[in-house]
Amino acid sequence: MKMFQNNKGFSLLEVVIALAIFSISIIALYTIQTRTITQNSTASRITTAAVWASEKIEDLITLSYYDLKEKATDKDGVSGLQDSTVATADWNEVSPDGVYTVLWNVAEEEPLPNTKTIRIIVTTKRKGTGSQVELEYIKHKGI
């Protein structure tokens, strides 16, 4: 009597289970890849906004202390530092591609006498970032 038969190959059940495990793995990898692409895109937009803010800060700190506030019309001081719309900011500029809006506000005598606080706020029209980039610089009268 033969106890063991010499069967070669896989049964249909083994193949179905292997395909199910493989399918679940592929779906998980696809989800991870999609999320990674989305996060990379968001990081790229935030980085670009930070670069725009840095460039604008560098442009503004090269101005003399007195030239910083000459063009502002609202003169709302410290409360105006938080202005984050084109209508309420001291000045604004749109990037050449039209995606980023760079706003900047200047407050005199803040936080100390003989200083001006410059705040740059960069917003984007694209969905996905859900945030804005803000930079602040304090310029002293003697510098």
C-alpha atoms as a PDB file:
ATOM      1  CA  MET A   1       0.000   0.000   0.000  1.00  0.00           C
ATOM      2  CA  LYS A   2       1.308   3.447  -0.950  1.00  0.00           C
ATOM      3  CA  MET A   3       1.284   5.890   1.933  1.00  0.00           C
ATOM      4  CA  PHE A   4       2.473   8.945   0.030  1.00  0.00           C
ATOM      5  CA  GLN A   5       1.819   9.785  -3.527  1.00  0.00           C
ATOM      6  CA  ASN A   6       4.364  11.793  -5.425  1.00  0.00           C
ATOM      7  CA  ASN A   7       2.243  14.827  -6.408  1.00  0.00           C
ATOM      8  CA  LYS A   8       3.981  17.672  -8.174  1.00  0.00           C
ATOM      9  CA  GLY A   9       2.714  21.213  -8.605  1.00  0.00           C
ATOM     10  CA  PHE A  10       0.273  23.409  -6.672  1.00  0.00           C
ATOM     11  CA  SER A  11      -3.354  22.914  -5.905  1.00  0.00           C
ATOM     12  CA  LEU A  12      -5.903  25.467  -7.060  1.00  0.00           C
ATOM     13  CA  LEU A  13      -6.462  26.595  -3.461  1.00  0.00           C
ATOM     14  CA  GLU A  14      -2.758  27.374  -2.975  1.00  0.00           C
ATOM     15  CA  VAL A  15      -2.706  29.445  -6.154  1.00  0.00           C
ATOM     16  CA  VAL A  16      -5.809  31.439  -5.122  1.00  0.00           C
ATOM     17  CA  ILE A  17      -4.357  32.173  -1.674  1.00  0.00           C
ATOM     18  CA  ALA A  18      -1.028  33.262  -3.202  1.00  0.00           C
ATOM     19  CA  LEU A  19      -2.839  35.596  -5.651  1.00  0.00           C
ATOM     20  CA  ALA A  20      -4.896  37.087  -2.818  1.00  0.00           C
ATOM     21  CA  ILE A  21      -1.765  37.837  -0.774  1.00  0.00           C
ATOM     22  CA  PHE A  22      -0.039  39.287  -3.841  1.00  0.00           C
ATOM     23  CA  SER A  23      -3.058  41.496  -4.646  1.00  0.00           C
ATOM     24  CA  ILE A  24      -3.224  42.886  -1.113  1.00  0.00           C
ATOM     25  CA  SER A  25       0.502  43.667  -1.249  1.00  0.00           C
ATOM     26  CA  ILE A  26       0.172  45.483  -4.587  1.00  0.00           C
ATOM     27  CA  ILE A  27      -2.765  47.567  -3.318  1.00  0.00           C
ATOM     28  CA  ALA A  28      -0.776  48.542  -0.208  1.00  0.00           C
ATOM     29  CA  LEU A  29       2.225  49.563  -2.320  1.00  0.00           C
ATOM     30  CA  TYR A  30      -0.008  51.596  -4.637  1.00  0.00           C
ATOM     31  CA  THR A  31      -1.507  53.438  -1.665  1.00  0.00           C
ATOM     32  CA  ILE A  32       1.923  54.206  -0.248  1.00  0.00           C
ATOM     33  CA  GLN A  33       3.170  55.424  -3.635  1.00  0.00           C
ATOM     34  CA  THR A  34       0.150  57.692  -4.128  1.00  0.00           C
ATOM     35  CA  ARG A  35       0.527  59.205  -0.659  1.00  0.00           C
ATOM     36  CA  THR A  36       4.248  59.751  -1.211  1.00  0.00           C
ATOM     37  CA  ILE A  37       3.650  61.597  -4.485  1.00  0.00           C
ATOM     38  CA  THR A  38       1.045  63.833  -2.828  1.00  0.00           C
ATOM     39  CA  GLN A  39       3.318  64.635   0.110  1.00  0.00           C
ATOM     40  CA  ASN A  40       6.253  65.384  -2.191  1.00  0.00           C
ATOM     41  CA  SER A  41       4.090  67.787  -4.161  1.00  0.00           C
ATOM     42  CA  THR A  42       2.984  69.524  -0.972  1.00  0.00           C
ATOM     43  CA  ALA A  43       6.575  69.750   0.265  1.00  0.00           C
ATOM     44  CA  SER A  44       7.627  71.248  -3.061  1.00  0.00           C
ATOM     45  CA  ARG A  45       4.953  73.957  -2.837  1.00  0.00           C
ATOM     46  CA  ILE A  46       5.921  74.789   0.760  1.00  0.00           C
ATOM     47  CA  THR A  47       9.601  74.966  -0.205  1.00  0.00           C
ATOM     48  CA  THR A  48       8.842  77.257  -3.136  1.00  0.00           C
ATOM     49  CA  ALA A  49       6.748  79.504  -0.885  1.00  0.00           C
ATOM     50  CA  ALA A  50       9.595  79.640   1.660  1.00  0.00           C
ATOM     51  CA  VAL A  51      12.033  80.624  -1.090  1.00  0.00           C
ATOM     52  CA  TRP A  52       9.701  83.414  -2.236  1.00  0.00           C
ATOM     53  CA  ALA A  53       9.439  84.646   1.361  1.00  0.00           C
ATOM     54  CA  SER A  54      13.218  84.549   1.851  1.00  0.00           C
ATOM     55  CA  GLU A  55      13.838  86.462  -1.359  1.00  0.00           C
ATOM     56  CA  LYS A  56      11.327  89.143  -0.410  1.00  0.00           C
ATOM     57  CA  ILE A  57      12.828  89.494   3.090  1.00  0.00           C
ATOM     58  CA  GLU A  58      16.267  89.920   1.514  1.00  0.00           C
ATOM     59  CA  ASP A  59      14.904  92.581  -0.853  1.00  0.00           C
ATOM     60  CA  LEU A  60      13.243  94.486   1.985  1.00  0.00           C
ATOM     61  CA  ILE A  61      16.146  94.416   4.428  1.00  0.00           C
ATOM     62  CA  THR A  62      18.362  96.072   1.833  1.00  0.00           C
ATOM     63  CA  LEU A  63      16.087  99.135   1.948  1.00  0.00           C
ATOM     64  CA  SER A  64      16.915 101.889   4.374  1.00  0.00           C
ATOM     65  CA  TYR A  65      15.028 102.056   7.652  1.00  0.00           C
ATOM     66  CA  TYR A  66      12.974 105.022   6.427  1.00  0.00           C
ATOM     67  CA  ASP A  67      12.076 103.552   3.031  1.00  0.00           C
ATOM     68  CA  LEU A  68      10.324 100.533   4.544  1.00  0.00           C
ATOM     69  CA  LYS A  69       7.073 102.251   5.461  1.00  0.00           C
ATOM     70  CA  GLU A  70       6.843 105.113   2.963  1.00  0.00           C
ATOM     71  CA  LYS A  71       4.472 103.385   0.574  1.00  0.00           C
ATOM     72  CA  ALA A  72       2.115 101.874   3.147  1.00  0.00           C
ATOM     73  CA  THR A  73      -1.308 103.461   3.210  1.00  0.00           C
ATOM     74  CA  ASP A  74      -3.029 101.748   6.123  1.00  0.00           C
ATOM     75  CA  LYS A  75      -0.532 102.669   8.884  1.00  0.00           C
ATOM     76  CA  ASP A  76      -2.083 100.009  11.139  1.00  0.00           C
ATOM     77  CA  GLY A  77       1.152  99.156  12.932  1.00  0.00           C
ATOM     78  CA  VAL A  78       1.406  96.015  15.039  1.00  0.00           C
ATOM     79  CA  SER A  79      -2.159  94.898  14.373  1.00  0.00           C
ATOM     80  CA  GLY A  80      -1.389  94.993  10.660  1.00  0.00           C
ATOM     81  CA  LEU A  81       1.364  92.376  10.951  1.00  0.00           C
ATOM     82  CA  GLN A  82      -1.302  89.677  10.928  1.00  0.00           C
ATOM     83  CA  ASP A  83      -2.965  90.943   7.729  1.00  0.00           C
ATOM     84  CA  SER A  84      -3.009  88.000   5.353  1.00  0.00           C
ATOM     85  CA  THR A  85      -5.191  89.151   2.467  1.00  0.00           C
ATOM     86  CA  VAL A  86      -4.302  91.294  -0.516  1.00  0.00           C
ATOM     87  CA  ALA A  87      -6.853  93.899   0.563  1.00  0.00           C
ATOM     88  CA  THR A  88      -5.443  94.372   4.082  1.00  0.00           C
ATOM     89  CA  ALA A  89      -1.679  93.856   3.638  1.00  0.00           C
ATOM     90  CA  ASP A  90       0.675  96.831   3.372  1.00  0.00           C
ATOM     91  CA  TRP A  91       2.004  95.550   0.036  1.00  0.00           C
ATOM     92  CA  ASN A  92       1.525  92.499  -2.129  1.00  0.00           C
ATOM     93  CA  GLU A  93       3.007  90.834  -5.153  1.00  0.00           C
ATOM     94  CA  VAL A  94       2.011  87.829  -7.257  1.00  0.00           C
ATOM     95  CA  SER A  95       4.584  85.351  -8.533  1.00  0.00           C
ATOM     96  CA  PRO A  96       5.132  85.263 -12.320  1.00  0.00           C
ATOM     97  CA  ASP A  97       3.341  81.910 -12.566  1.00  0.00           C
ATOM     98  CA  GLY A  98       0.359  83.337 -10.684  1.00  0.00           C
ATOM     99  CA  VAL A  99       0.379  80.563  -8.096  1.00  0.00           C
ATOM    100  CA  TYR A 100       1.853  82.373  -5.087  1.00  0.00           C
ATOM    101  CA  THR A 101       0.818  85.643  -3.493  1.00  0.00           C
ATOM    102  CA  VAL A 102       3.490  87.369  -1.433  1.00  0.00           C
ATOM    103  CA  LEU A 103       2.171  89.800   1.174  1.00  0.00           C
ATOM    104  CA  TRP A 104       4.280  91.907   3.471  1.00  0.00           C
ATOM    105  CA  ASN A 105       3.514  94.155   6.380  1.00  0.00           C
ATOM    106  CA  VAL A 106       5.694  96.543   8.348  1.00  0.00           C
ATOM    107  CA  ALA A 107       5.120  97.671  11.931  1.00  0.00           C
ATOM    108  CA  GLU A 108       7.061 100.589  13.372  1.00  0.00           C
ATOM    109  CA  GLU A 109       8.484 100.638  16.902  1.00  0.00           C
ATOM    110  CA  GLU A 110       7.777  96.920  17.309  1.00  0.00           C
ATOM    111  CA  PRO A 111       8.992  95.116  19.424  1.00  0.00           C
ATOM    112  CA  LEU A 112      11.362  97.876  20.626  1.00  0.00           C
ATOM    113  CA  PRO A 113      11.866 101.575  19.941  1.00  0.00           C
ATOM    114  CA  ASN A 114      13.841 102.336  16.772  1.00  0.00           C
ATOM    115  CA  THR A 115      12.931  99.021  15.169  1.00  0.00           C
ATOM    116  CA  LYS A 116      10.560  97.903  12.455  1.00  0.00           C
ATOM    117  CA  THR A 117       9.146  94.404  12.168  1.00  0.00           C
ATOM    118  CA  ILE A 118       8.728  93.062   8.652  1.00  0.00           C
ATOM    119  CA  ARG A 119       6.410  90.101   8.208  1.00  0.00           C
ATOM    120  CA  ILE A 120       6.206  88.205   4.925  1.00  0.00           C
ATOM    121  CA  ILE A 121       3.240  85.940   4.280  1.00  0.00           C
ATOM    122  CA  VAL A 122       3.203  83.696   1.211  1.00  0.00           C
ATOM    123  CA  THR A 123      -0.019  81.938   0.240  1.00  0.00           C
ATOM    124  CA  THR A 124      -0.778  79.625  -2.649  1.00  0.00           C
ATOM    125  CA  LYS A 125      -3.871  79.171  -4.773  1.00  0.00           C
ATOM    126  CA  ARG A 126      -3.246  75.460  -5.223  1.00  0.00           C
ATOM    127  CA  LYS A 127      -5.046  72.958  -3.076  1.00  0.00           C
ATOM    128  CA  GLY A 128      -3.187  70.543  -0.882  1.00  0.00           C
ATOM    129  CA  THR A 129      -0.902  72.716   1.214  1.00  0.00           C
ATOM    130  CA  GLY A 130      -3.510  73.993   3.626  1.00  0.00           C
ATOM    131  CA  SER A 131      -1.029  76.413   5.129  1.00  0.00           C
ATOM    132  CA  GLN A 132       0.866  79.573   4.458  1.00  0.00           C
ATOM    133  CA  VAL A 133       4.509  80.403   4.958  1.00  0.00           C
ATOM    134  CA  GLU A 134       5.365  83.300   7.250  1.00  0.00           C
ATOM    135  CA  LEU A 135       8.734  84.914   7.956  1.00  0.00           C
ATOM    136  CA  GLU A 136       9.529  87.807  10.245  1.00  0.00           C
ATOM    137  CA  TYR A 137      12.529  90.097  10.409  1.00  0.00           C
ATOM    138  CA  ILE A 138      13.278  92.924  12.800  1.00  0.00           C
ATOM    139  CA  LYS A 139      15.251  95.836  11.363  1.00  0.00           C
ATOM    140  CA  HIS A 140      16.949  98.325  13.675  1.00  0.00           C
ATOM    141  CA  LYS A 141      17.216 101.990  12.804  1.00  0.00           C
ATOM    142  CA  GLY A 142      20.991 101.929  13.126  1.00  0.00           C
ATOM    143  CA  ILE A 143      21.460  99.094  10.610  1.00  0.00           C
END
